[in-house]
Amino acid sequence: MHCSFSVAQYDELPIIYAHGDLDMATCPELGDLATTLIDQAQPRLIVDVLDVAYTEASAIDALVELHNKIESRGGKLAVVCGDLQVKRLIESVQVDREPAVFDDRDSAAAYLSGLPAAN
């Protein structure tokens, strides 16, 4: 399985775009990339998985771990995901607070900017 990542700015916020399969082999790369980004700037990050074809449970765990890391630094993580099944998995994780999940980048950016977001 293969996943590639690209980094950009979206509405003045860092965003990681994931493309391909997000699994236990590719999650460490996502974690390393995200850690580098949050170490360089304010810990607010969008992870866009709209272009991910396959998601393992390890990917959900990685997103929750990333959320906890960012939140411990006073920041926020927003996940953009169009797959209803993946959204339900993230939202069903038995933790105090799971990552915020949005259907589109605009809503994720609004959430991170403290603006009302439609979801």
C-alpha atoms as a PDB file:
ATOM      1  CA  MET A   1       0.000   0.000   0.000  1.00  0.00           C
ATOM      2  CA  HIS A   2       1.189   3.509  -0.735  1.00  0.00           C
ATOM      3  CA  CYS A   3       0.294   6.983   0.438  1.00  0.00           C
ATOM      4  CA  SER A   4       1.827  10.265  -0.580  1.00  0.00           C
ATOM      5  CA  PHE A   5       1.570  13.519   1.309  1.00  0.00           C
ATOM      6  CA  SER A   6       1.797  17.113   0.221  1.00  0.00           C
ATOM      7  CA  VAL A   7       1.860  20.246   2.343  1.00  0.00           C
ATOM      8  CA  ALA A   8       0.378  23.614   1.485  1.00  0.00           C
ATOM      9  CA  GLN A   9      -1.313  26.615   3.049  1.00  0.00           C
ATOM     10  CA  TYR A  10      -5.087  26.827   3.051  1.00  0.00           C
ATOM     11  CA  ASP A  11      -6.615  30.075   4.260  1.00  0.00           C
ATOM     12  CA  GLU A  12      -3.279  30.844   5.981  1.00  0.00           C
ATOM     13  CA  LEU A  13      -3.300  27.487   7.805  1.00  0.00           C
ATOM     14  CA  PRO A  14      -0.998  24.526   7.231  1.00  0.00           C
ATOM     15  CA  ILE A  15      -2.709  21.611   5.510  1.00  0.00           C
ATOM     16  CA  ILE A  16      -1.496  18.102   4.805  1.00  0.00           C
ATOM     17  CA  TYR A  17      -3.100  16.419   1.812  1.00  0.00           C
ATOM     18  CA  ALA A  18      -3.002  12.620   1.904  1.00  0.00           C
ATOM     19  CA  HIS A  19      -3.331  10.641  -1.338  1.00  0.00           C
ATOM     20  CA  GLY A  20      -3.618   6.843  -1.549  1.00  0.00           C
ATOM     21  CA  ASP A  21      -3.850   4.308   1.265  1.00  0.00           C
ATOM     22  CA  LEU A  22      -3.528   5.365   4.887  1.00  0.00           C
ATOM     23  CA  ASP A  23      -2.394   2.359   6.900  1.00  0.00           C
ATOM     24  CA  MET A  24       0.097   1.304   9.564  1.00  0.00           C
ATOM     25  CA  ALA A  25       2.951   1.514   7.051  1.00  0.00           C
ATOM     26  CA  THR A  26       2.171   5.094   6.007  1.00  0.00           C
ATOM     27  CA  CYS A  27       0.880   6.603   9.281  1.00  0.00           C
ATOM     28  CA  PRO A  28       4.348   7.248  10.739  1.00  0.00           C
ATOM     29  CA  GLU A  29       5.166   9.494   7.776  1.00  0.00           C
ATOM     30  CA  LEU A  30       1.960  11.460   8.401  1.00  0.00           C
ATOM     31  CA  GLY A  31       2.851  11.780  12.089  1.00  0.00           C
ATOM     32  CA  ASP A  32       6.403  12.940  11.356  1.00  0.00           C
ATOM     33  CA  LEU A  33       5.223  15.491   8.800  1.00  0.00           C
ATOM     34  CA  ALA A  34       2.537  16.828  11.147  1.00  0.00           C
ATOM     35  CA  THR A  35       4.986  17.079  14.048  1.00  0.00           C
ATOM     36  CA  THR A  36       7.385  19.086  11.894  1.00  0.00           C
ATOM     37  CA  LEU A  37       4.597  21.480  10.918  1.00  0.00           C
ATOM     38  CA  ILE A  38       3.288  22.035  14.440  1.00  0.00           C
ATOM     39  CA  ASP A  39       6.841  22.514  15.745  1.00  0.00           C
ATOM     40  CA  GLN A  40       7.373  25.302  13.191  1.00  0.00           C
ATOM     41  CA  ALA A  41       4.147  27.239  13.702  1.00  0.00           C
ATOM     42  CA  GLN A  42       1.118  27.682  15.889  1.00  0.00           C
ATOM     43  CA  PRO A  43      -0.331  24.228  16.483  1.00  0.00           C
ATOM     44  CA  ARG A  44      -3.333  24.466  14.184  1.00  0.00           C
ATOM     45  CA  LEU A  45      -3.437  21.923  11.387  1.00  0.00           C
ATOM     46  CA  ILE A  46      -5.781  20.576   8.735  1.00  0.00           C
ATOM     47  CA  VAL A  47      -5.348  16.989   7.542  1.00  0.00           C
ATOM     48  CA  ASP A  48      -7.234  16.390   4.294  1.00  0.00           C
ATOM     49  CA  VAL A  49      -8.011  12.727   3.608  1.00  0.00           C
ATOM     50  CA  LEU A  50     -10.548  13.334   0.831  1.00  0.00           C
ATOM     51  CA  ASP A  51      -8.203  11.627  -1.633  1.00  0.00           C
ATOM     52  CA  VAL A  52      -7.499   8.566   0.532  1.00  0.00           C
ATOM     53  CA  ALA A  53      -8.775   5.386  -1.068  1.00  0.00           C
ATOM     54  CA  TYR A  54      -8.255   3.031   1.887  1.00  0.00           C
ATOM     55  CA  THR A  55      -8.094   3.660   5.633  1.00  0.00           C
ATOM     56  CA  GLU A  56      -7.076   1.179   8.320  1.00  0.00           C
ATOM     57  CA  ALA A  57      -7.924   1.439  11.999  1.00  0.00           C
ATOM     58  CA  SER A  58      -4.274   2.367  12.613  1.00  0.00           C
ATOM     59  CA  ALA A  59      -4.916   5.576  10.647  1.00  0.00           C
ATOM     60  CA  ILE A  60      -7.759   6.487  12.990  1.00  0.00           C
ATOM     61  CA  ASP A  61      -5.451   5.839  15.949  1.00  0.00           C
ATOM     62  CA  ALA A  62      -2.775   8.040  14.348  1.00  0.00           C
ATOM     63  CA  LEU A  63      -5.254  10.906  13.852  1.00  0.00           C
ATOM     64  CA  VAL A  64      -6.410  10.659  17.473  1.00  0.00           C
ATOM     65  CA  GLU A  65      -2.786  10.618  18.660  1.00  0.00           C
ATOM     66  CA  LEU A  66      -2.024  13.644  16.499  1.00  0.00           C
ATOM     67  CA  HIS A  67      -5.117  15.410  17.854  1.00  0.00           C
ATOM     68  CA  ASN A  68      -3.962  14.763  21.427  1.00  0.00           C
ATOM     69  CA  LYS A  69      -0.442  16.021  20.669  1.00  0.00           C
ATOM     70  CA  ILE A  70      -1.738  19.224  19.089  1.00  0.00           C
ATOM     71  CA  GLU A  71      -4.302  19.801  21.820  1.00  0.00           C
ATOM     72  CA  SER A  72      -1.633  19.357  24.523  1.00  0.00           C
ATOM     73  CA  ARG A  73       0.180  22.291  22.889  1.00  0.00           C
ATOM     74  CA  GLY A  74      -2.931  24.458  22.972  1.00  0.00           C
ATOM     75  CA  GLY A  75      -3.861  23.895  19.335  1.00  0.00           C
ATOM     76  CA  LYS A  76      -6.529  22.262  17.224  1.00  0.00           C
ATOM     77  CA  LEU A  77      -6.665  19.600  14.527  1.00  0.00           C
ATOM     78  CA  ALA A  78      -9.314  19.514  11.821  1.00  0.00           C
ATOM     79  CA  VAL A  79      -9.735  16.474   9.583  1.00  0.00           C
ATOM     80  CA  VAL A  80     -11.397  16.857   6.183  1.00  0.00           C
ATOM     81  CA  CYS A  81     -13.059  13.604   5.209  1.00  0.00           C
ATOM     82  CA  GLY A  82     -15.843  12.828   2.773  1.00  0.00           C
ATOM     83  CA  ASP A  83     -16.108   9.133   3.646  1.00  0.00           C
ATOM     84  CA  LEU A  84     -19.048   8.663   6.015  1.00  0.00           C
ATOM     85  CA  GLN A  85     -17.689   5.348   7.304  1.00  0.00           C
ATOM     86  CA  VAL A  86     -14.315   6.876   8.212  1.00  0.00           C
ATOM     87  CA  LYS A  87     -16.050   9.858   9.850  1.00  0.00           C
ATOM     88  CA  ARG A  88     -18.113   7.525  11.985  1.00  0.00           C
ATOM     89  CA  LEU A  89     -14.991   5.601  13.006  1.00  0.00           C
ATOM     90  CA  ILE A  90     -13.216   8.785  14.088  1.00  0.00           C
ATOM     91  CA  GLU A  91     -16.256  10.056  15.944  1.00  0.00           C
ATOM     92  CA  SER A  92     -16.807   6.711  17.702  1.00  0.00           C
ATOM     93  CA  VAL A  93     -13.323   6.492  19.202  1.00  0.00           C
ATOM     94  CA  GLN A  94     -13.669   6.145  22.951  1.00  0.00           C
ATOM     95  CA  VAL A  95     -11.644   9.182  24.002  1.00  0.00           C
ATOM     96  CA  ASP A  96     -12.650  12.346  25.786  1.00  0.00           C
ATOM     97  CA  ARG A  97     -12.386  14.422  22.631  1.00  0.00           C
ATOM     98  CA  GLU A  98     -11.845  13.135  19.134  1.00  0.00           C
ATOM     99  CA  PRO A  99     -10.521  15.218  16.240  1.00  0.00           C
ATOM    100  CA  ALA A 100     -13.052  17.560  14.647  1.00  0.00           C
ATOM    101  CA  VAL A 101     -14.156  16.128  11.286  1.00  0.00           C
ATOM    102  CA  PHE A 102     -15.494  18.228   8.422  1.00  0.00           C
ATOM    103  CA  ASP A 103     -16.839  17.594   4.928  1.00  0.00           C
ATOM    104  CA  ASP A 104     -14.836  20.413   3.337  1.00  0.00           C
ATOM    105  CA  ARG A 105     -11.714  22.542   3.794  1.00  0.00           C
ATOM    106  CA  ASP A 106     -13.620  25.810   4.276  1.00  0.00           C
ATOM    107  CA  SER A 107     -15.444  24.447   7.334  1.00  0.00           C
ATOM    108  CA  ALA A 108     -12.203  23.033   8.748  1.00  0.00           C
ATOM    109  CA  ALA A 109     -10.416  26.361   8.278  1.00  0.00           C
ATOM    110  CA  ALA A 110     -13.305  28.260   9.883  1.00  0.00           C
ATOM    111  CA  TYR A 111     -13.182  25.921  12.893  1.00  0.00           C
ATOM    112  CA  LEU A 112      -9.438  26.437  13.324  1.00  0.00           C
ATOM    113  CA  SER A 113      -9.848  30.184  12.956  1.00  0.00           C
ATOM    114  CA  GLY A 114     -12.537  30.274  15.627  1.00  0.00           C
ATOM    115  CA  LEU A 115     -15.321  31.115  13.178  1.00  0.00           C
ATOM    116  CA  PRO A 116     -18.672  29.299  13.008  1.00  0.00           C
ATOM    117  CA  ALA A 117     -18.414  26.381  10.594  1.00  0.00           C
ATOM    118  CA  ALA A 118     -21.284  24.615   8.907  1.00  0.00           C
ATOM    119  CA  ASN A 119     -20.945  20.843   9.017  1.00  0.00           C
END
